[in-house]
Amino acid sequence: MQTDQLEITGAFTVTPALHGDDRGHFAETFRADAFMAATGHAFDLQQANTSFSARGVIRGVHFALVPPGQAKYVQCLAGTILDVVVDVRVGSPTFGQHVAVELDDRTRRALYLAEGLGHAFCALSPTATVNYLCSTSYNPAREFGVNPLDPELALPWPTEAPIVSDKDAAAPTLAEARELGQLPDYTATMDYLDGLRRG
């Protein structure tokens, strides 16, 4: 299992070793000890979600206010997606920046996003099944979104005909969400993560 830090603090990929033969393959897609080594704290699984999407569907950009926020461990179980991490933490050195990684059912690579980061993806295959392990349960009062087609974010969606939900299409731009006070604070987020590491 290989862990690679991304350019945005709090995000990394996990690429498992695949053990295969003529029957198929086997992979360890999550290990608590490897996660602890990468973050300094345990992953407190509170909810697991699965989405099914057609080609061109974009979901996100979604995030939750910190504390407690919601960390996500994302895997594409079937098909291929372009998964995007967006730094929506006000005061972060990489605020407004994004990192995109491809997740698929061949490499079984996973993506981890710490509390306070925004998450979105686009289905690249005819259909895509995505699984999310979440550190907190869904709390609509503290969960927000940014429009995934915000021209200032300029996310690298590889489709000319994006399919977006009404809710995501109506979400504010990053600048508007900041003015509305809907974005996580970088310092508060880092303090919360330090608290998790101290136990």
Protein backbone atom coordinates (compact mmCIF):
# COMPACT_ATOMS: atom_id res chain seq x y z
CA MET A 1 0.00 0.00 0.00
CA GLN A 2 1.51 3.29 -1.14
CA THR A 3 0.47 6.65 0.31
CA ASP A 4 1.20 9.84 -1.66
CA GLN A 5 0.60 13.32 -0.27
CA LEU A 6 -1.04 15.75 -2.68
CA GLU A 7 -0.26 19.44 -3.15
CA ILE A 8 -3.10 20.47 -0.83
CA THR A 9 -2.47 19.81 2.87
CA GLY A 10 -4.83 17.19 4.22
CA ALA A 11 -5.28 15.23 0.98
CA PHE A 12 -3.49 12.11 -0.18
CA THR A 13 -3.96 9.08 -2.38
CA VAL A 14 -3.64 5.44 -1.34
CA THR A 15 -2.62 2.90 -3.98
CA PRO A 16 -2.94 -0.71 -2.83
CA ALA A 17 -0.87 -3.65 -4.00
CA LEU A 18 -2.98 -5.84 -6.29
CA HIS A 19 -2.68 -9.60 -5.85
CA GLY A 20 -4.14 -11.27 -8.93
CA ASP A 21 -4.43 -14.51 -10.83
CA ASP A 22 -6.82 -15.95 -13.40
CA ARG A 23 -9.70 -15.61 -10.92
CA GLY A 24 -9.31 -11.82 -10.58
CA HIS A 25 -7.47 -9.80 -7.95
CA PHE A 26 -7.45 -8.92 -4.26
CA ALA A 27 -6.45 -5.61 -2.67
CA GLU A 28 -6.29 -4.11 0.80
CA THR A 29 -8.08 -0.81 0.12
CA PHE A 30 -7.94 0.56 3.67
CA ARG A 31 -5.64 -0.14 6.63
CA ALA A 32 -5.98 1.62 9.96
CA ASP A 33 -2.24 1.51 10.66
CA ALA A 34 -1.34 3.04 7.27
CA PHE A 35 -3.96 5.73 7.79
CA MET A 36 -2.59 6.51 11.26
CA ALA A 37 0.92 6.76 9.86
CA ALA A 38 -0.23 9.25 7.20
CA THR A 39 -2.41 11.48 9.41
CA GLY A 40 -1.34 10.93 13.01
CA HIS A 41 -4.86 9.99 14.09
CA ALA A 42 -7.41 7.22 13.60
CA PHE A 43 -10.20 7.31 11.04
CA ASP A 44 -13.50 7.35 12.91
CA LEU A 45 -15.91 5.76 10.44
CA GLN A 46 -19.44 7.03 11.08
CA GLN A 47 -21.15 6.66 7.71
CA ALA A 48 -20.59 4.96 4.36
CA ASN A 49 -22.23 6.21 1.14
CA THR A 50 -22.37 4.82 -2.38
CA SER A 51 -23.27 6.83 -5.49
CA PHE A 52 -24.07 5.57 -8.98
CA SER A 53 -23.48 8.00 -11.85
CA ALA A 54 -23.74 8.11 -15.62
CA ARG A 55 -20.97 9.48 -17.84
CA GLY A 56 -20.66 13.24 -17.54
CA VAL A 57 -22.33 13.49 -14.14
CA ILE A 58 -20.54 15.94 -11.83
CA ARG A 59 -21.17 15.73 -8.08
CA GLY A 60 -19.94 18.47 -5.74
CA VAL A 61 -18.21 20.64 -4.68
CA HIS A 62 -19.33 19.52 -1.19
CA PHE A 63 -17.84 20.20 2.26
CA ALA A 64 -18.82 20.63 5.92
CA LEU A 65 -17.96 23.30 8.47
CA VAL A 66 -15.29 22.48 11.06
CA PRO A 67 -15.69 21.40 13.78
CA PRO A 68 -16.46 18.63 13.28
CA GLY A 69 -16.36 18.73 9.48
CA GLN A 70 -16.39 15.51 7.50
CA ALA A 71 -13.33 13.66 6.26
CA LYS A 72 -13.86 11.33 3.29
CA TYR A 73 -12.04 8.26 2.03
CA VAL A 74 -13.21 7.86 -1.58
CA GLN A 75 -12.94 4.82 -3.86
CA CYS A 76 -14.30 4.12 -7.33
CA LEU A 77 -15.64 0.57 -7.14
CA ALA A 78 -16.70 0.32 -10.79
CA GLY A 79 -15.77 2.51 -13.74
CA THR A 80 -13.56 5.61 -13.76
CA ILE A 81 -13.92 9.08 -12.27
CA LEU A 82 -11.93 12.28 -12.15
CA ASP A 83 -11.91 13.14 -8.46
CA VAL A 84 -11.18 16.71 -7.41
CA VAL A 85 -10.05 18.16 -4.08
CA VAL A 86 -10.77 21.88 -3.67
CA ASP A 87 -9.23 23.92 -0.85
CA VAL A 88 -12.16 25.95 0.47
CA ARG A 89 -10.51 26.75 3.84
CA VAL A 90 -10.37 30.53 4.26
CA GLY A 91 -6.82 31.53 5.19
CA SER A 92 -5.18 28.43 3.71
CA PRO A 93 -2.00 28.98 1.66
CA THR A 94 -3.69 27.02 -1.14
CA PHE A 95 -7.17 28.55 -0.80
CA GLY A 96 -9.12 28.26 -4.05
CA GLN A 97 -6.69 25.76 -5.56
CA HIS A 98 -7.54 22.22 -6.60
CA VAL A 99 -5.93 18.85 -7.27
CA ALA A 100 -7.47 16.29 -9.63
CA VAL A 101 -6.74 12.55 -9.59
CA GLU A 102 -8.22 9.68 -11.55
CA LEU A 103 -9.76 6.83 -9.56
CA ASP A 104 -10.84 3.60 -11.21
CA ASP A 105 -11.63 -0.08 -10.75
CA ARG A 106 -8.25 -1.17 -12.14
CA THR A 107 -5.68 0.46 -9.82
CA ARG A 108 -8.14 0.58 -6.89
CA ARG A 109 -6.49 3.83 -5.83
CA ALA A 110 -8.34 5.76 -3.11
CA LEU A 111 -8.40 9.45 -2.22
CA TYR A 112 -8.50 10.87 1.30
CA LEU A 113 -9.72 14.39 2.06
CA ALA A 114 -9.38 15.78 5.57
CA GLU A 115 -12.02 17.84 7.32
CA GLY A 116 -12.54 21.26 5.73
CA LEU A 117 -11.69 20.31 2.14
CA GLY A 118 -14.16 20.39 -0.75
CA HIS A 119 -14.87 17.29 -2.81
CA ALA A 120 -16.24 16.78 -6.31
CA PHE A 121 -15.96 14.26 -9.12
CA CYS A 122 -16.97 13.61 -12.72
CA ALA A 123 -17.89 10.17 -14.08
CA LEU A 124 -15.66 9.34 -17.06
CA SER A 125 -16.97 5.85 -17.85
CA PRO A 126 -20.49 4.94 -19.07
CA THR A 127 -21.37 4.35 -15.41
CA ALA A 128 -19.36 4.80 -12.21
CA THR A 129 -19.93 3.49 -8.70
CA VAL A 130 -18.23 5.51 -5.97
CA ASN A 131 -17.94 4.62 -2.29
CA TYR A 132 -17.28 7.19 0.43
CA LEU A 133 -16.21 6.36 3.98
CA CYS A 134 -17.12 9.39 6.14
CA SER A 135 -15.84 10.47 9.54
CA THR A 136 -19.18 12.00 10.58
CA SER A 137 -22.82 11.41 9.77
CA TYR A 138 -24.65 13.70 7.38
CA ASN A 139 -25.59 16.98 9.07
CA PRO A 140 -27.46 19.26 6.66
CA ALA A 141 -27.17 22.25 9.00
CA ARG A 142 -23.37 22.27 8.64
CA GLU A 143 -22.94 21.03 5.06
CA PHE A 144 -22.52 23.38 2.12
CA GLY A 145 -21.46 23.43 -1.50
CA VAL A 146 -19.76 25.53 -4.12
CA ASN A 147 -20.87 25.51 -7.74
CA PRO A 148 -18.66 22.99 -9.58
CA LEU A 149 -18.85 25.15 -12.72
CA ASP A 150 -17.59 28.30 -10.95
CA PRO A 151 -15.42 29.91 -13.66
CA GLU A 152 -12.95 31.27 -11.11
CA LEU A 153 -12.29 27.77 -9.77
CA ALA A 154 -11.86 26.53 -13.36
CA LEU A 155 -12.07 22.88 -12.38
CA PRO A 156 -10.76 20.57 -15.13
CA TRP A 157 -13.97 18.79 -16.03
CA PRO A 158 -13.37 16.60 -19.12
CA THR A 159 -16.87 16.98 -20.56
CA GLU A 160 -18.58 19.57 -22.74
CA ALA A 161 -22.02 18.56 -21.46
CA PRO A 162 -21.80 18.32 -17.67
CA ILE A 163 -24.79 16.86 -15.84
CA VAL A 164 -25.21 18.67 -12.52
CA SER A 165 -27.98 18.43 -9.91
CA ASP A 166 -30.28 21.40 -9.39
CA LYS A 167 -28.82 21.82 -5.90
CA ASP A 168 -25.21 21.94 -7.14
CA ALA A 169 -26.14 24.23 -10.04
CA ALA A 170 -27.73 26.66 -7.58
CA ALA A 171 -24.76 26.60 -5.20
CA PRO A 172 -22.83 29.86 -4.79
CA THR A 173 -19.45 30.53 -6.32
CA LEU A 174 -16.44 30.28 -4.02
CA ALA A 175 -16.36 34.07 -3.66
CA GLU A 176 -20.08 34.19 -2.85
CA ALA A 177 -19.79 31.36 -0.31
CA ARG A 178 -16.97 33.24 1.38
CA GLU A 179 -19.08 36.40 1.63
CA LEU A 180 -21.95 34.34 3.07
CA GLY A 181 -19.69 32.87 5.77
CA GLN A 182 -20.24 29.33 4.51
CA LEU A 183 -16.58 28.28 4.19
CA PRO A 184 -14.43 26.51 6.80
CA ASP A 185 -11.70 28.51 8.52
CA TYR A 186 -8.15 27.20 7.95
CA THR A 187 -6.86 27.94 11.47
CA ALA A 188 -9.92 26.38 13.13
CA THR A 189 -9.55 23.34 10.89
CA MET A 190 -5.86 22.89 11.72
CA ASP A 191 -6.63 23.27 15.44
CA TYR A 192 -9.33 20.61 15.16
CA LEU A 193 -6.96 18.19 13.38
CA ASP A 194 -4.28 18.84 16.02
CA GLY A 195 -6.85 17.86 18.62
CA LEU A 196 -7.51 14.59 16.81
CA ARG A 197 -3.79 13.82 16.81
CA ARG A 198 -3.52 14.50 20.53
CA GLY A 199 -6.44 12.14 21.10
